[in-house]
Amino acid sequence: MKYCLALLTALVSVADAQIIPNVNLYTTYTDNLFLSSTQRGDVVNASYVDLDYVVNEDLGLYYSGSASLFSENTDLFSHLHTFGLSYTRPLRTDDLLVAGLETGLRLDRPLYDYRDFAEGRAFATLKSYLRPDLLGRIGYNLHYQNFLNANDYSYVEQRLNAQFTHVLPTRTTLQFGGELGLKSYTQASGADPFFDLSDRSDQDHHLLQGVSRLKAAQSLGANAGLQLEWQHRQSFTGQSRFADLLFYNPDNDLFDDQFSYDGQQLGTTLKYLAPWQSELVASFQRESRHYSNRPAYDLSGFPTGDSASENRQTLRLGLGRTFYPVNSWIQEAGVELEWLYRDIDSNDVFYDATARSYTIGLQLGF
């Protein structure tokens, strides 16, 4: 972290005014890092650096870098680097086009190098006021992710989404949205010698899934707001790939993706803008997941014959405060405290668990 701060200070001192750097530092203690019955705790230090370069009023370039360092499970160290381009263009009085390109690279320690990937992304969103109180948005996202050491799991993902936001005179905001996603694996099953998928048919080559969302937000006065959100996820065809039991881990990036399960999610968030540029946030979320052909295991590691399913409950309490230093090269500084509690009720007894985490964060804007 000291290295990141020193590097950022050097960048600020020589950078053009059009370069906008930000750095976020977080330290988290969790009593259950793997969300499992083993209850293994750890301290995680995570750092994020963003550099935004404003080319002109329409075009911007950016770099985002992150790294996570684990005190006990040191082999979990990873770092991710992303370079991107964003383009914003007003089309008419009430229309706005937002588009962009991204490329990224993630690298892990040798023990977890099957998580290494290179990725590319292109996206475009059109926003338009259909009426003064009704905002419409439609977007398309194309994402390619190539797992460098696990080619069977490389994929192309396409998402088409639409959203409508309606503001009522009662200071109530209603939002309805839908998304259709298509995930296509780039190789047939069994092409990768590291992961044995040869016994799987090619029915999982394409996965089609729809997501519906409803959200309502209500102002509770000048300094408070309440939000309710419901989400439904439904798969129409295909199933995510799962490896031989020797390599199977439902918590890593290869297996536990959004296309691997159906379910519903209901959540509520209460925000209060307190004095001294501070904010209090409390949220509760309940989610049900029904996995498509992901096996459930007993504590001896043997399949139970059922597909995995679980109910997740998450409670979060957060406190943040923002400072605006005078006569300093730091334009804005934020401090954040968070307590997070998660309860997973799973028919896979190894992942039937609870977890608590405590986080302190520092955000710096220059």
Protein backbone atom coordinates (compact mmCIF):
# COMPACT_ATOMS: atom_id res chain seq x y z
CA MET A 1 0.00 0.00 0.00
CA LYS A 2 2.87 2.38 0.78
CA TYR A 3 4.27 1.64 -2.66
CA CYS A 4 0.92 2.49 -4.29
CA LEU A 5 0.74 5.80 -2.45
CA ALA A 6 4.31 6.71 -3.38
CA LEU A 7 3.69 5.85 -7.02
CA LEU A 8 0.50 7.87 -7.09
CA THR A 9 2.22 10.88 -5.52
CA ALA A 10 4.82 10.77 -8.29
CA LEU A 11 2.16 10.56 -10.96
CA VAL A 12 0.29 13.54 -9.54
CA SER A 13 3.40 15.68 -9.41
CA VAL A 14 4.15 15.27 -13.12
CA ALA A 15 0.70 14.72 -14.56
CA ASP A 16 -1.21 17.05 -16.78
CA ALA A 17 -4.32 18.62 -15.28
CA GLN A 18 -6.43 16.41 -17.52
CA ILE A 19 -5.30 13.27 -15.69
CA ILE A 20 -7.54 12.45 -12.72
CA PRO A 21 -6.07 9.86 -10.32
CA ASN A 22 -7.94 8.06 -7.54
CA VAL A 23 -6.79 5.42 -5.08
CA ASN A 24 -8.82 3.21 -2.75
CA LEU A 25 -7.31 1.10 0.05
CA TYR A 26 -9.24 -1.48 2.08
CA THR A 27 -8.35 -3.80 4.94
CA THR A 28 -10.84 -6.56 5.78
CA TYR A 29 -10.91 -9.22 8.44
CA THR A 30 -13.25 -12.15 7.77
CA ASP A 31 -13.85 -15.16 9.97
CA ASN A 32 -14.79 -17.35 6.99
CA LEU A 33 -12.81 -16.54 3.88
CA PHE A 34 -14.08 -19.47 1.78
CA LEU A 35 -17.71 -19.30 2.95
CA SER A 36 -17.54 -22.93 4.04
CA SER A 37 -17.86 -25.12 7.11
CA THR A 38 -14.07 -24.96 7.62
CA GLN A 39 -14.41 -21.41 9.04
CA ARG A 40 -10.95 -20.23 7.96
CA GLY A 41 -10.33 -16.59 8.81
CA ASP A 42 -7.94 -14.16 7.15
CA VAL A 43 -6.97 -10.50 6.78
CA VAL A 44 -7.20 -9.16 3.22
CA ASN A 45 -5.53 -5.96 2.04
CA ALA A 46 -6.89 -4.70 -1.27
CA SER A 47 -5.78 -1.66 -3.27
CA TYR A 48 -7.34 -0.02 -6.33
CA VAL A 49 -5.81 2.67 -8.54
CA ASP A 50 -7.74 4.55 -11.24
CA LEU A 51 -6.24 6.98 -13.73
CA ASP A 52 -8.68 8.90 -15.94
CA TYR A 53 -7.44 10.99 -18.85
CA VAL A 54 -9.88 13.45 -20.38
CA VAL A 55 -9.09 13.81 -24.09
CA ASN A 56 -12.02 16.14 -24.79
CA GLU A 57 -15.62 16.62 -23.69
CA ASP A 58 -16.69 13.41 -25.49
CA LEU A 59 -13.69 11.09 -25.19
CA GLY A 60 -11.84 9.69 -22.18
CA LEU A 61 -9.15 7.08 -21.53
CA TYR A 62 -8.65 5.23 -18.27
CA TYR A 63 -6.59 2.64 -16.45
CA SER A 64 -7.79 0.62 -13.46
CA GLY A 65 -5.49 -1.61 -11.44
CA SER A 66 -6.19 -3.71 -8.37
CA ALA A 67 -4.36 -6.18 -6.16
CA SER A 68 -5.41 -8.34 -3.20
CA LEU A 69 -2.96 -9.56 -0.57
CA PHE A 70 -3.93 -12.28 1.94
CA SER A 71 -2.16 -12.59 5.28
CA GLU A 72 -2.67 -16.33 5.81
CA ASN A 73 -3.62 -17.71 2.39
CA THR A 74 -0.81 -16.01 0.51
CA ASP A 75 -1.27 -18.12 -2.63
CA LEU A 76 -4.56 -16.31 -3.26
CA PHE A 77 -2.71 -13.11 -4.22
CA SER A 78 -3.90 -11.76 -7.58
CA HIS A 79 -3.74 -8.55 -9.58
CA LEU A 80 -5.95 -7.19 -12.35
CA HIS A 81 -5.17 -4.46 -14.90
CA THR A 82 -7.73 -2.85 -17.18
CA PHE A 83 -7.32 -0.25 -19.93
CA GLY A 84 -10.37 1.41 -21.42
CA LEU A 85 -11.85 4.06 -23.66
CA SER A 86 -15.18 5.80 -23.02
CA TYR A 87 -17.17 7.94 -25.43
CA THR A 88 -20.16 10.11 -24.51
CA ARG A 89 -22.16 11.99 -27.12
CA PRO A 90 -25.44 13.94 -26.88
CA LEU A 91 -27.51 12.99 -29.94
CA ARG A 92 -30.48 15.28 -29.47
CA THR A 93 -31.81 17.48 -26.70
CA ASP A 94 -32.87 14.53 -24.55
CA ASP A 95 -30.73 11.67 -25.92
CA LEU A 96 -27.31 10.55 -24.75
CA LEU A 97 -25.06 7.84 -26.22
CA VAL A 98 -22.45 6.21 -23.98
CA ALA A 99 -20.03 3.68 -25.51
CA GLY A 100 -16.68 2.18 -24.67
CA LEU A 101 -13.99 -0.45 -25.13
CA GLU A 102 -11.98 -2.30 -22.47
CA THR A 103 -9.14 -4.81 -22.33
CA GLY A 104 -7.84 -6.45 -19.19
CA LEU A 105 -5.47 -9.04 -17.73
CA ARG A 106 -5.62 -10.93 -14.43
CA LEU A 107 -2.72 -12.95 -13.02
CA ASP A 108 -2.59 -15.24 -9.98
CA ARG A 109 0.03 -17.21 -8.10
CA PRO A 110 1.01 -20.59 -9.67
CA LEU A 111 -1.29 -22.62 -7.38
CA TYR A 112 -4.33 -20.73 -8.73
CA ASP A 113 -3.10 -19.88 -12.21
CA TYR A 114 -6.16 -21.60 -13.76
CA ARG A 115 -7.93 -18.34 -12.84
CA ASP A 116 -5.63 -16.24 -15.05
CA PHE A 117 -7.49 -14.56 -17.87
CA ALA A 118 -7.30 -11.95 -20.61
CA GLU A 119 -10.50 -10.16 -21.53
CA GLY A 120 -12.00 -7.66 -23.93
CA ARG A 121 -15.26 -5.76 -23.71
CA ALA A 122 -17.34 -3.43 -25.89
CA PHE A 123 -20.54 -1.71 -24.77
CA ALA A 124 -23.03 0.92 -25.87
CA THR A 125 -25.98 2.50 -24.04
CA LEU A 126 -28.59 4.94 -25.34
CA LYS A 127 -30.51 7.04 -22.80
CA SER A 128 -33.56 9.08 -23.77
CA TYR A 129 -36.29 11.00 -21.95
CA LEU A 130 -39.53 9.66 -23.38
CA ARG A 131 -41.41 12.14 -21.19
CA PRO A 132 -40.16 14.67 -18.64
CA ASP A 133 -40.82 12.10 -15.90
CA LEU A 134 -39.89 8.93 -17.82
CA LEU A 135 -36.33 7.96 -18.72
CA GLY A 136 -35.67 5.04 -21.07
CA ARG A 137 -32.39 3.23 -21.55
CA ILE A 138 -31.30 0.42 -23.86
CA GLY A 139 -27.85 -1.14 -23.93
CA TYR A 140 -25.69 -3.88 -25.43
CA ASN A 141 -22.58 -5.45 -23.90
CA LEU A 142 -20.12 -7.83 -25.60
CA HIS A 143 -17.56 -9.55 -23.38
CA TYR A 144 -14.82 -12.05 -24.29
CA GLN A 145 -12.93 -13.82 -21.48
CA ASN A 146 -10.06 -16.16 -22.24
CA PHE A 147 -8.86 -18.31 -19.33
CA LEU A 148 -5.19 -18.67 -20.17
CA ASN A 149 -4.71 -22.05 -18.44
CA ALA A 150 -8.27 -23.44 -18.60
CA ASN A 151 -9.39 -22.99 -22.19
CA ASP A 152 -12.54 -25.10 -21.78
CA TYR A 153 -14.04 -22.27 -19.75
CA SER A 154 -13.23 -19.39 -22.13
CA TYR A 155 -16.39 -17.75 -23.41
CA VAL A 156 -18.10 -14.93 -25.29
CA GLU A 157 -20.96 -13.25 -23.47
CA GLN A 158 -23.58 -10.93 -24.94
CA ARG A 159 -26.13 -8.95 -22.95
CA LEU A 160 -29.03 -6.87 -24.21
CA ASN A 161 -30.81 -4.80 -21.58
CA ALA A 162 -33.57 -2.20 -21.29
CA GLN A 163 -34.67 -0.06 -18.37
CA PHE A 164 -37.39 2.50 -17.66
CA THR A 165 -37.30 4.97 -14.76
CA HIS A 166 -40.43 6.89 -13.74
CA VAL A 167 -40.38 9.74 -11.20
CA LEU A 168 -43.62 10.49 -9.35
CA PRO A 169 -44.69 13.78 -7.73
CA THR A 170 -44.49 12.06 -4.33
CA ARG A 171 -40.66 11.92 -4.72
CA THR A 172 -40.98 8.23 -5.48
CA THR A 173 -38.86 6.65 -8.20
CA LEU A 174 -40.00 3.45 -9.91
CA GLN A 175 -37.69 1.44 -12.10
CA PHE A 176 -38.33 -1.62 -14.26
CA GLY A 177 -35.63 -3.39 -16.19
CA GLY A 178 -34.95 -6.56 -18.11
CA GLU A 179 -31.89 -8.27 -19.52
CA LEU A 180 -31.29 -11.13 -21.93
CA GLY A 181 -27.88 -12.77 -21.77
CA LEU A 182 -26.20 -15.32 -24.04
CA LYS A 183 -23.00 -17.07 -22.95
CA SER A 184 -21.15 -19.17 -25.54
CA TYR A 185 -18.13 -21.30 -24.68
CA THR A 186 -15.44 -20.93 -27.34
CA GLN A 187 -14.37 -24.59 -27.28
CA ALA A 188 -16.19 -27.91 -27.24
CA SER A 189 -16.16 -29.89 -23.99
CA GLY A 190 -13.06 -31.96 -23.38
CA ALA A 191 -10.66 -29.82 -25.41
CA ASP A 192 -8.59 -28.85 -22.36
CA PRO A 193 -6.33 -31.60 -20.95
CA PHE A 194 -6.21 -29.93 -17.51
CA PHE A 195 -9.98 -30.20 -16.95
CA ASP A 196 -11.62 -33.47 -17.91
CA LEU A 197 -14.99 -32.64 -19.46
CA SER A 198 -14.96 -35.38 -22.07
CA ASP A 199 -18.04 -37.07 -20.61
CA ARG A 200 -20.18 -33.98 -21.12
CA SER A 201 -22.35 -33.43 -24.17
CA ASP A 202 -22.21 -30.22 -26.16
CA GLN A 203 -25.64 -29.11 -24.89
CA ASP A 204 -23.89 -26.61 -22.61
CA HIS A 205 -22.11 -24.80 -25.46
CA HIS A 206 -24.67 -21.94 -25.41
CA LEU A 207 -26.47 -20.67 -22.32
CA LEU A 208 -29.44 -18.30 -22.55
CA GLN A 209 -30.76 -16.49 -19.47
CA GLY A 210 -33.22 -13.70 -18.71
CA VAL A 211 -33.23 -11.33 -15.73
CA SER A 212 -36.12 -9.11 -14.60
CA ARG A 213 -35.75 -6.29 -12.06
CA LEU A 214 -38.13 -4.03 -10.17
CA LYS A 215 -36.94 -1.21 -7.96
CA ALA A 216 -38.73 1.44 -5.91
CA ALA A 217 -37.04 4.30 -4.08
CA GLN A 218 -38.76 6.72 -1.73
CA SER A 219 -37.44 9.92 -0.23
CA LEU A 220 -38.00 10.05 3.54
CA GLY A 221 -37.19 13.71 3.91
CA ALA A 222 -34.24 15.88 3.07
CA ASN A 223 -31.61 13.46 4.39
CA ALA A 224 -32.95 9.92 4.09
CA GLY A 225 -34.13 7.47 1.46
CA LEU A 226 -35.47 3.92 1.33
CA GLN A 227 -35.05 1.52 -1.57
CA LEU A 228 -36.68 -1.84 -2.31
CA GLU A 229 -35.48 -4.14 -5.10
CA TRP A 230 -36.69 -7.47 -6.51
CA GLN A 231 -34.89 -9.56 -9.11
CA HIS A 232 -35.76 -12.80 -10.89
CA ARG A 233 -33.23 -14.88 -12.83
CA GLN A 234 -34.36 -17.63 -15.24
CA SER A 235 -32.27 -19.86 -17.49
CA PHE A 236 -33.84 -21.00 -20.75
CA THR A 237 -31.23 -23.33 -22.22
CA GLY A 238 -27.76 -24.71 -21.56
CA GLN A 239 -25.82 -25.20 -18.33
CA SER A 240 -22.48 -24.04 -16.95
CA ARG A 241 -19.55 -26.40 -17.18
CA PHE A 242 -18.24 -28.18 -14.11
CA ALA A 243 -14.92 -29.94 -13.93
CA ASP A 244 -13.82 -33.25 -12.50
CA LEU A 245 -14.39 -33.38 -8.73
CA LEU A 246 -10.66 -33.02 -8.16
CA PHE A 247 -10.79 -29.44 -9.45
CA TYR A 248 -14.37 -28.48 -8.67
CA ASN A 249 -14.77 -25.36 -6.50
CA PRO A 250 -18.11 -23.51 -6.63
CA ASP A 251 -16.61 -20.29 -5.24
CA ASN A 252 -14.10 -19.52 -7.95
CA ASP A 253 -14.58 -17.53 -11.12
CA LEU A 254 -14.77 -20.52 -13.46
CA PHE A 255 -17.78 -22.24 -11.94
CA ASP A 256 -19.88 -19.79 -9.91
CA ASP A 257 -21.05 -17.40 -12.62
CA GLN A 258 -24.53 -15.92 -12.95
CA PHE A 259 -25.47 -18.35 -15.72
CA SER A 260 -25.03 -21.33 -13.39
CA TYR A 261 -28.22 -20.80 -11.36
CA ASP A 262 -31.84 -19.59 -11.36
CA GLY A 263 -33.48 -17.79 -8.49
CA GLN A 264 -34.91 -14.69 -6.94
CA GLN A 265 -33.49 -11.86 -4.89
CA LEU A 266 -35.21 -9.36 -2.61
CA GLY A 267 -33.42 -6.53 -0.89
CA THR A 268 -33.88 -3.23 0.90
CA THR A 269 -31.48 -0.37 1.59
CA LEU A 270 -31.84 2.60 3.94
CA LYS A 271 -29.53 5.60 3.53
CA TYR A 272 -29.18 8.59 5.83
CA LEU A 273 -27.07 11.66 5.05
CA ALA A 274 -25.72 12.61 8.46
CA PRO A 275 -23.94 15.83 9.48
CA TRP A 276 -20.26 16.45 8.71
CA GLN A 277 -20.42 14.98 5.17
CA SER A 278 -21.10 11.51 6.52
CA GLU A 279 -23.46 8.76 5.38
CA LEU A 280 -25.07 5.82 7.15
CA VAL A 281 -26.18 2.80 5.11
CA ALA A 282 -28.07 -0.30 6.25
CA SER A 283 -29.13 -3.04 3.85
CA PHE A 284 -30.63 -6.51 3.95
CA GLN A 285 -30.79 -8.98 1.08
CA ARG A 286 -32.31 -12.43 0.72
CA GLU A 287 -31.48 -14.56 -2.31
CA SER A 288 -32.43 -18.06 -3.44
CA ARG A 289 -30.23 -19.97 -5.87
CA HIS A 290 -31.06 -23.21 -7.67
CA TYR A 291 -28.02 -24.46 -9.56
CA SER A 292 -28.30 -26.24 -12.88
CA ASN A 293 -26.67 -29.68 -12.50
CA ARG A 294 -24.14 -28.50 -9.94
CA PRO A 295 -23.80 -31.46 -7.57
CA ALA A 296 -24.26 -31.19 -3.82
CA TYR A 297 -21.83 -33.11 -1.58
CA ASP A 298 -21.78 -34.45 1.94
CA LEU A 299 -18.93 -33.71 4.35
CA SER A 300 -17.06 -36.82 3.13
CA GLY A 301 -16.96 -35.38 -0.38
CA PHE A 302 -19.46 -37.79 -1.93
CA PRO A 303 -22.31 -36.53 -4.16
CA THR A 304 -25.72 -36.69 -2.52
CA GLY A 305 -27.55 -37.13 -5.82
CA ASP A 306 -29.16 -33.68 -5.65
CA SER A 307 -28.36 -30.47 -7.48
CA ALA A 308 -27.11 -27.73 -5.21
CA SER A 309 -29.53 -25.12 -3.93
CA GLU A 310 -29.21 -22.49 -1.25
CA ASN A 311 -30.78 -19.49 0.44
CA ARG A 312 -28.46 -16.57 1.16
CA GLN A 313 -29.09 -13.76 3.63
CA THR A 314 -26.82 -10.73 3.81
CA LEU A 315 -26.90 -7.87 6.32
CA ARG A 316 -24.67 -4.84 5.85
CA LEU A 317 -24.07 -1.77 8.01
CA GLY A 318 -21.82 1.00 6.74
CA LEU A 319 -20.60 4.41 7.88
CA GLY A 320 -18.67 6.77 5.66
CA ARG A 321 -17.40 10.31 5.90
CA THR A 322 -15.90 12.56 3.24
CA PHE A 323 -13.31 15.26 3.87
CA TYR A 324 -12.31 18.13 1.56
CA PRO A 325 -8.81 19.28 2.56
CA VAL A 326 -7.93 22.93 1.97
CA ASN A 327 -4.67 23.86 0.21
CA SER A 328 -3.76 20.23 -0.39
CA TRP A 329 -2.95 18.14 -3.46
CA ILE A 330 -5.63 15.76 -2.17
CA GLN A 331 -8.97 17.11 -3.40
CA GLU A 332 -11.16 14.63 -1.54
CA ALA A 333 -10.64 11.97 1.13
CA GLY A 334 -13.17 9.42 2.31
CA VAL A 335 -13.13 7.02 5.25
CA GLU A 336 -15.44 4.01 5.31
CA LEU A 337 -16.32 1.44 7.98
CA GLU A 338 -18.39 -1.65 7.17
CA TRP A 339 -19.77 -4.68 8.99
CA LEU A 340 -21.07 -7.55 6.85
CA TYR A 341 -22.89 -10.70 7.93
CA ARG A 342 -23.70 -13.56 5.53
CA ASP A 343 -25.70 -16.72 6.20
CA ILE A 344 -25.83 -19.48 3.58
CA ASP A 345 -28.39 -22.23 4.04
CA SER A 346 -27.25 -24.87 1.52
CA ASN A 347 -28.07 -28.51 0.86
CA ASP A 348 -24.32 -28.90 0.23
CA VAL A 349 -23.27 -29.20 3.88
CA PHE A 350 -19.71 -28.07 3.16
CA TYR A 351 -21.04 -24.69 2.02
CA ASP A 352 -23.74 -24.42 4.70
CA ALA A 353 -22.05 -21.63 6.63
CA THR A 354 -22.05 -18.15 8.11
CA ALA A 355 -19.44 -15.42 7.76
CA ARG A 356 -18.71 -12.05 9.29
CA SER A 357 -16.36 -9.42 7.97
CA TYR A 358 -15.13 -6.04 9.20
CA THR A 359 -13.69 -3.50 6.76
CA ILE A 360 -11.98 -0.13 6.99
CA GLY A 361 -11.42 1.77 3.77
CA LEU A 362 -9.69 4.93 2.59
CA GLN A 363 -10.58 6.67 -0.68
CA LEU A 364 -8.38 9.46 -2.07
CA GLY A 365 -9.22 11.74 -5.00
CA PHE A 366 -6.64 14.06 -6.53
